[in-house]
């Protein structure tokens, strides 16, 4: 009956569209008028721990912590499952200063990766990592400072040199889009903990029966550790991992020097047996534009120069141990103008097409 109602609704909407024309938003390419059929959607919390204060709770003194508990350090997950879903869901993990919002509508209001891939038949799971966004309940204290740093992030994310965008930038350059972008930045409510994040994401993989992990930036490190903890990760797609690279003990490179205020970029040594778990499935890593081959006096460009260099060393190491890892620097493929938030920019459909082709090539769709 639900399927019949869906078909009737589709026919009616198609008839209305043929009679009344498109909305102004659709004419501007801001929305897709095709029907998106969702079989199931919802949200839940997963992982985490419970902090308990010694003593006995007294209902007459409810503000005393004695005997009380605190549930924290979990992840928040929202999900959508389309009609006739493909076999492998996509699990999206954001980067530093971000939440699941990074995968939703783009700063200029177009469909983001979560909806683009939902339309392509993939179930999507969007994570707010523990101690961030809607998973803000932390078991450790944190002081959140109201630091004025928008311009720092504009430059660090390779959008340009404030207030100018780089030539050919794919970032939507309206004042409204930049306003939306700055407002989606959100703080940690507790110390960043790579292993905690990986543990919660691994628990999610257990709950949904595995899937393809899609990470961004700082999410790259927890992504590798998720796959080490859980053998149900079927692939990792990593957009511009900026830290958290792992190598087998004895094969870890020396820190890469840069003029970035973040300092030299190091890597983490792990047991060979753990590293070899990253060779069980395919890995693809994407980087955007404005990353030089040689040292640069532009601090942000130089910072990402060493990150791309480390990613290539990481992929080479995975392949040397029998794995399947690829680094794609988009300008080398003729795709130019992308910043650190490449999947949310004006050409994000083109980037989604690239990922779709890779998933098909690897038999993951």
Protein backbone atom coordinates (compact mmCIF):
# COMPACT_ATOMS: atom_id res chain seq x y z
CA UNK A 1 0.00 0.00 0.00
CA UNK A 2 2.82 2.44 0.86
CA UNK A 3 4.46 1.70 -2.48
CA UNK A 4 1.16 2.29 -4.32
CA UNK A 5 0.65 5.61 -2.53
CA UNK A 6 4.18 6.65 -3.47
CA UNK A 7 3.55 5.87 -7.16
CA UNK A 8 0.28 7.80 -7.15
CA UNK A 9 1.96 10.78 -5.48
CA UNK A 10 4.78 10.69 -8.02
CA UNK A 11 2.32 10.74 -10.91
CA UNK A 12 0.36 13.65 -9.43
CA UNK A 13 3.49 15.70 -8.79
CA UNK A 14 4.74 15.05 -12.31
CA UNK A 15 1.40 16.22 -13.70
CA UNK A 16 1.50 19.38 -11.58
CA UNK A 17 5.05 20.14 -12.69
CA UNK A 18 4.08 19.85 -16.35
CA UNK A 19 1.20 22.28 -15.78
CA UNK A 20 2.70 24.82 -13.46
CA UNK A 21 6.38 24.96 -14.29
CA UNK A 22 9.29 24.94 -11.85
CA UNK A 23 9.83 26.94 -8.70
CA UNK A 24 12.33 29.83 -8.82
CA UNK A 25 14.69 27.79 -6.62
CA UNK A 26 14.61 24.87 -9.04
CA UNK A 27 15.22 27.21 -12.00
CA UNK A 28 18.34 28.47 -10.23
CA UNK A 29 19.56 24.90 -9.62
CA UNK A 30 19.07 25.21 -5.86
CA UNK A 31 16.93 22.10 -5.45
CA UNK A 32 16.09 18.83 -7.17
CA UNK A 33 12.39 18.47 -8.01
CA UNK A 34 12.57 14.70 -8.45
CA UNK A 35 10.88 12.58 -5.80
CA UNK A 36 13.10 11.18 -3.07
CA UNK A 37 11.52 8.10 -1.52
CA UNK A 38 12.63 7.41 2.07
CA UNK A 39 11.81 4.03 3.57
CA UNK A 40 13.06 4.87 7.06
CA UNK A 41 14.73 7.74 8.88
CA UNK A 42 15.60 8.63 12.44
CA UNK A 43 18.40 9.28 14.91
CA UNK A 44 20.03 7.70 17.93
CA UNK A 45 22.99 7.96 20.30
CA UNK A 46 25.67 5.30 20.35
CA UNK A 47 28.71 4.44 22.46
CA UNK A 48 29.78 6.61 25.35
CA UNK A 49 30.29 6.02 29.05
CA UNK A 50 28.74 6.82 32.42
CA UNK A 51 30.46 8.92 35.06
CA UNK A 52 29.28 8.25 38.63
CA UNK A 53 29.77 10.48 41.67
CA UNK A 54 30.29 8.52 44.93
CA UNK A 55 27.66 8.87 47.60
CA UNK A 56 23.88 8.66 47.75
CA UNK A 57 21.45 10.81 45.81
CA UNK A 58 19.16 12.92 48.03
CA UNK A 59 15.94 14.03 46.38
CA UNK A 60 15.75 16.92 48.87
CA UNK A 61 19.11 18.26 47.66
CA UNK A 62 18.88 17.59 43.90
CA UNK A 63 21.71 19.94 42.95
CA UNK A 64 24.29 18.01 44.98
CA UNK A 65 26.23 15.65 42.68
CA UNK A 66 26.52 12.88 45.28
CA UNK A 67 25.22 9.58 43.96
CA UNK A 68 24.34 11.03 40.57
CA UNK A 69 25.41 9.90 37.10
CA UNK A 70 26.39 11.60 33.86
CA UNK A 71 25.89 9.89 30.49
CA UNK A 72 28.43 11.29 28.04
CA UNK A 73 31.06 10.72 25.34
CA UNK A 74 28.56 9.11 22.96
CA UNK A 75 28.13 9.93 19.27
CA UNK A 76 24.92 11.25 17.71
CA UNK A 77 23.78 9.58 14.50
CA UNK A 78 21.02 10.63 12.10
CA UNK A 79 20.13 8.28 9.27
CA UNK A 80 18.00 7.92 6.17
CA UNK A 81 17.35 4.69 4.29
CA UNK A 82 15.93 5.01 0.77
CA UNK A 83 13.53 2.66 -0.96
CA UNK A 84 15.52 -0.18 -2.59
CA UNK A 85 18.75 0.78 -0.80
CA UNK A 86 22.11 -0.35 -2.15
CA UNK A 87 24.03 -3.00 -0.24
CA UNK A 88 26.56 -0.74 1.49
CA UNK A 89 25.51 2.28 3.56
CA UNK A 90 27.69 5.39 3.67
CA UNK A 91 28.79 6.55 7.12
CA UNK A 92 29.90 10.20 7.22
CA UNK A 93 32.34 11.55 9.82
CA UNK A 94 33.12 15.30 9.90
CA UNK A 95 36.36 17.15 10.60
CA UNK A 96 37.66 19.73 13.10
CA UNK A 97 35.27 22.45 14.18
CA UNK A 98 32.43 20.77 12.31
CA UNK A 99 29.45 18.52 12.91
CA UNK A 100 27.26 16.40 10.62
CA UNK A 101 26.08 19.71 9.13
CA UNK A 102 29.17 19.62 6.93
CA UNK A 103 27.56 16.83 4.83
CA UNK A 104 24.08 18.36 4.67
CA UNK A 105 22.98 21.38 2.60
CA UNK A 106 25.88 23.36 1.14
CA UNK A 107 26.53 26.91 2.38
CA UNK A 108 24.64 28.26 -0.65
CA UNK A 109 21.67 25.94 -0.12
CA UNK A 110 22.27 23.17 -2.67
CA UNK A 111 22.09 19.48 -1.91
CA UNK A 112 25.10 18.19 0.00
CA UNK A 113 26.69 14.76 -0.15
CA UNK A 114 24.19 13.20 2.26
CA UNK A 115 21.29 13.95 -0.08
CA UNK A 116 23.20 13.44 -3.33
CA UNK A 117 24.10 9.89 -2.32
CA UNK A 118 20.68 9.22 -0.83
CA UNK A 119 19.29 10.00 -4.30
CA UNK A 120 21.79 7.48 -5.70
CA UNK A 121 20.32 4.75 -3.53
CA UNK A 122 22.73 4.70 -0.57
CA UNK A 123 21.58 4.63 3.03
CA UNK A 124 23.33 7.49 4.83
CA UNK A 125 24.45 7.75 8.45
CA UNK A 126 25.67 11.17 9.63
CA UNK A 127 27.73 11.39 12.80
CA UNK A 128 28.26 14.16 15.34
CA UNK A 129 31.40 12.86 17.02
CA UNK A 130 31.54 12.63 20.83
CA UNK A 131 32.01 16.00 22.54
CA UNK A 132 30.80 17.90 19.46
CA UNK A 133 27.48 19.25 18.22
CA UNK A 134 24.46 17.18 19.23
CA UNK A 135 26.79 14.78 21.06
CA UNK A 136 28.02 17.56 23.33
CA UNK A 137 27.64 15.81 26.69
CA UNK A 138 31.21 15.18 27.85
CA UNK A 139 32.54 13.33 30.89
CA UNK A 140 35.52 15.71 31.10
CA UNK A 141 35.59 19.42 31.78
CA UNK A 142 36.28 21.90 29.00
CA UNK A 143 36.69 25.67 28.88
CA UNK A 144 35.23 27.08 25.66
CA UNK A 145 36.71 30.43 24.72
CA UNK A 146 34.92 32.93 22.49
CA UNK A 147 37.93 33.47 20.22
CA UNK A 148 37.59 35.69 17.16
CA UNK A 149 39.13 33.46 14.49
CA UNK A 150 36.88 33.35 11.40
CA UNK A 151 39.58 34.80 9.18
CA UNK A 152 42.11 32.24 10.41
CA UNK A 153 39.80 29.41 9.38
CA UNK A 154 39.04 31.06 6.04
CA UNK A 155 42.75 30.94 5.23
CA UNK A 156 43.48 27.57 6.87
CA UNK A 157 40.72 25.95 4.82
CA UNK A 158 42.35 27.37 1.64
CA UNK A 159 39.43 29.51 0.59
CA UNK A 160 41.80 32.40 -0.05
CA UNK A 161 43.87 35.09 1.68
CA UNK A 162 41.37 37.15 3.62
CA UNK A 163 39.26 38.85 2.37
CA UNK A 164 39.97 37.62 -1.16
CA UNK A 165 39.12 34.19 -2.56
CA UNK A 166 41.71 32.40 -4.66
CA UNK A 167 41.37 32.80 -8.41
CA UNK A 168 38.98 30.21 -9.80
CA UNK A 169 37.65 29.27 -6.37
CA UNK A 170 34.77 26.79 -6.37
CA UNK A 171 33.52 28.03 -3.00
CA UNK A 172 30.17 29.83 -3.44
CA UNK A 173 31.16 33.45 -3.01
CA UNK A 174 28.00 35.20 -1.87
CA UNK A 175 27.95 36.99 1.46
CA UNK A 176 25.10 34.73 2.52
CA UNK A 177 27.07 31.55 1.77
CA UNK A 178 30.08 32.75 3.76
CA UNK A 179 27.78 33.70 6.64
CA UNK A 180 26.30 30.19 6.64
CA UNK A 181 29.76 28.63 6.49
CA UNK A 182 31.12 30.57 9.46
CA UNK A 183 28.03 29.73 11.52
CA UNK A 184 28.39 25.98 11.04
CA UNK A 185 31.73 25.98 12.88
CA UNK A 186 31.22 24.53 16.37
CA UNK A 187 33.52 23.91 19.36
CA UNK A 188 34.62 20.84 21.28
CA UNK A 189 32.77 20.46 24.58
CA UNK A 190 35.51 18.17 25.87
CA UNK A 191 39.04 17.23 24.88
CA UNK A 192 39.41 15.81 21.36
CA UNK A 193 39.99 12.06 21.74
CA UNK A 194 40.82 10.11 18.58
CA UNK A 195 40.38 6.69 20.20
CA UNK A 196 37.06 7.64 21.81
CA UNK A 197 35.69 8.74 18.44
CA UNK A 198 36.93 5.55 16.77
CA UNK A 199 35.34 3.40 19.49
CA UNK A 200 31.94 5.04 19.00
CA UNK A 201 32.13 4.81 15.20
CA UNK A 202 33.14 1.15 15.49
CA UNK A 203 30.05 0.58 17.65
CA UNK A 204 27.96 2.17 14.90
CA UNK A 205 29.45 -0.23 12.35
CA UNK A 206 28.41 -3.13 14.58
CA UNK A 207 24.88 -1.76 14.89
CA UNK A 208 24.28 -1.28 11.15
CA UNK A 209 26.18 -4.33 9.93
CA UNK A 210 29.11 -2.46 8.39
CA UNK A 211 29.49 0.10 5.66
CA UNK A 212 31.70 2.54 3.78
CA UNK A 213 33.29 5.18 6.01
CA UNK A 214 33.55 8.69 4.52
CA UNK A 215 35.75 11.04 6.56
CA UNK A 216 36.86 14.64 6.32
CA UNK A 217 39.97 16.39 7.63
CA UNK A 218 40.55 15.64 11.34
CA UNK A 219 38.09 12.74 10.96
CA UNK A 220 40.74 10.92 8.94
CA UNK A 221 42.68 9.73 12.01
CA UNK A 222 39.66 8.26 13.83
CA UNK A 223 38.71 6.67 10.51
CA UNK A 224 41.88 4.55 10.34
CA UNK A 225 41.44 3.52 13.99
CA UNK A 226 37.77 2.63 13.42
CA UNK A 227 38.84 0.13 10.77
CA UNK A 228 41.51 -1.26 13.09
CA UNK A 229 38.88 -1.80 15.79
CA UNK A 230 36.16 -3.16 13.52
CA UNK A 231 36.46 -5.45 10.49
CA UNK A 232 33.06 -4.39 9.13
CA UNK A 233 34.49 -1.24 7.51
CA UNK A 234 34.28 -2.12 3.81
CA UNK A 235 36.12 0.92 2.44
CA UNK A 236 37.38 4.31 3.54
CA UNK A 237 36.90 7.48 1.52
CA UNK A 238 38.91 10.29 3.10
CA UNK A 239 38.58 13.92 2.02
CA UNK A 240 41.71 15.90 2.85
CA UNK A 241 42.87 14.08 6.00
CA UNK A 242 44.96 16.61 7.88
CA UNK A 243 46.33 14.60 10.80
CA UNK A 244 46.24 11.22 12.50
CA UNK A 245 48.22 9.31 9.85
CA UNK A 246 49.40 5.89 11.05
CA UNK A 247 52.40 3.77 10.04
CA UNK A 248 53.80 0.44 11.21
CA UNK A 249 56.40 0.59 13.94
CA UNK A 250 59.81 1.02 12.35
CA UNK A 251 58.36 2.61 9.19
CA UNK A 252 57.05 5.89 10.59
CA UNK A 253 58.48 8.92 8.76
CA UNK A 254 60.11 11.83 10.50
CA UNK A 255 57.84 14.86 11.11
CA UNK A 256 57.41 17.05 8.03
CA UNK A 257 58.44 20.64 8.54
CA UNK A 258 56.20 23.54 7.59
CA UNK A 259 55.73 27.22 8.42
CA UNK A 260 52.16 26.46 9.53
CA UNK A 261 51.29 27.72 13.05
CA UNK A 262 50.27 24.13 13.79
CA UNK A 263 53.94 23.15 13.63
CA UNK A 264 55.55 20.09 12.06
CA UNK A 265 53.25 17.28 10.92
CA UNK A 266 54.01 14.00 12.63
CA UNK A 267 52.56 10.52 12.32
CA UNK A 268 51.66 7.76 14.78
CA UNK A 269 53.45 4.42 15.05
CA UNK A 270 51.21 1.38 15.54
CA UNK A 271 51.88 -2.38 15.64
CA UNK A 272 52.28 -3.96 12.20
CA UNK A 273 49.37 -6.32 12.89
CA UNK A 274 47.08 -3.34 13.40
CA UNK A 275 48.37 -1.52 10.33
CA UNK A 276 47.78 -4.58 8.17
CA UNK A 277 44.09 -4.36 9.00
CA UNK A 278 44.05 -1.31 6.74
CA UNK A 279 45.01 -3.50 3.79
CA UNK A 280 41.78 -5.54 3.90
CA UNK A 281 39.67 -2.99 1.97
CA UNK A 282 40.13 -0.20 -0.60
CA UNK A 283 41.03 3.33 0.45
CA UNK A 284 40.77 6.51 -1.61
CA UNK A 285 41.97 9.94 -0.46
CA UNK A 286 41.02 13.20 -2.21
CA UNK A 287 42.70 16.60 -1.99
CA UNK A 288 41.60 19.85 -3.61
CA UNK A 289 43.45 22.78 -5.13
CA UNK A 290 45.89 25.46 -3.94
CA UNK A 291 48.41 22.95 -2.56
CA UNK A 292 51.93 23.60 -3.86
CA UNK A 293 54.57 21.00 -4.67
CA UNK A 294 57.33 23.07 -3.08
CA UNK A 295 57.57 25.01 0.22
CA UNK A 296 55.52 28.19 0.16
CA UNK A 297 55.48 31.44 2.13
CA UNK A 298 51.67 31.13 2.23
CA UNK A 299 51.30 29.41 5.61
CA UNK A 300 48.03 27.64 4.78
CA UNK A 301 49.23 26.34 1.44
CA UNK A 302 52.44 25.14 3.07
CA UNK A 303 50.49 23.42 5.84
CA UNK A 304 48.49 21.42 3.31
CA UNK A 305 51.57 20.72 1.21
CA UNK A 306 52.98 18.49 3.96
CA UNK A 307 49.60 16.90 4.61
CA UNK A 308 49.30 15.83 0.99
CA UNK A 309 52.90 14.60 1.15
CA UNK A 310 52.16 12.55 4.28
CA UNK A 311 49.01 11.10 2.70
CA UNK A 312 51.03 9.87 -0.26
CA UNK A 313 53.57 8.28 2.06
CA UNK A 314 50.72 6.62 3.98
CA UNK A 315 49.13 5.25 0.79
CA UNK A 316 52.50 3.97 -0.43
CA UNK A 317 52.96 2.15 2.88
CA UNK A 318 49.49 0.58 2.69
CA UNK A 319 50.21 -0.63 -0.84
CA UNK A 320 53.66 -1.88 0.11
CA UNK A 321 51.94 -4.15 2.63
CA UNK A 322 49.52 -5.52 0.06
CA UNK A 323 46.67 -3.01 0.37
CA UNK A 324 44.78 -0.85 -2.11
CA UNK A 325 45.16 2.86 -1.38
CA UNK A 326 44.98 5.76 -3.85
CA UNK A 327 45.60 9.48 -3.39
CA UNK A 328 43.84 11.76 -5.87
CA UNK A 329 45.03 15.37 -6.15
CA UNK A 330 42.13 16.88 -8.09
CA UNK A 331 44.07 19.49 -10.11
CA UNK A 332 46.10 16.65 -11.59
CA UNK A 333 42.76 15.30 -12.88
CA UNK A 334 41.86 18.67 -14.38
CA UNK A 335 39.47 19.56 -11.54
CA UNK A 336 40.52 22.93 -10.17
CA UNK A 337 39.42 25.54 -7.68
CA UNK A 338 38.47 23.37 -4.70
CA UNK A 339 39.22 24.31 -1.11
CA UNK A 340 39.39 22.09 1.95
CA UNK A 341 35.57 21.75 1.80
CA UNK A 342 35.58 20.37 -1.75
CA UNK A 343 32.47 18.20 -1.31
CA UNK A 344 30.36 21.27 -0.43
CA UNK A 345 31.41 23.55 -3.28
CA UNK A 346 29.86 24.52 -6.60
CA UNK A 347 31.15 21.39 -8.35
CA UNK A 348 30.13 18.93 -5.62
CA UNK A 349 28.00 16.91 -8.07
CA UNK A 350 31.14 16.35 -10.18
CA UNK A 351 32.99 15.16 -7.07
CA UNK A 352 30.07 12.90 -6.15
CA UNK A 353 30.27 11.43 -9.66
CA UNK A 354 33.97 10.69 -9.09
CA UNK A 355 33.18 8.86 -5.88
CA UNK A 356 30.28 6.97 -7.47
CA UNK A 357 32.60 5.78 -10.25
CA UNK A 358 35.18 4.58 -7.71
CA UNK A 359 32.54 2.74 -5.66
CA UNK A 360 31.32 1.01 -8.82
CA UNK A 361 34.89 0.13 -9.84
CA UNK A 362 35.49 -1.48 -6.45
CA UNK A 363 32.17 -3.34 -6.48
CA UNK A 364 30.93 -1.44 -3.45
CA UNK A 365 27.70 -0.01 -4.84
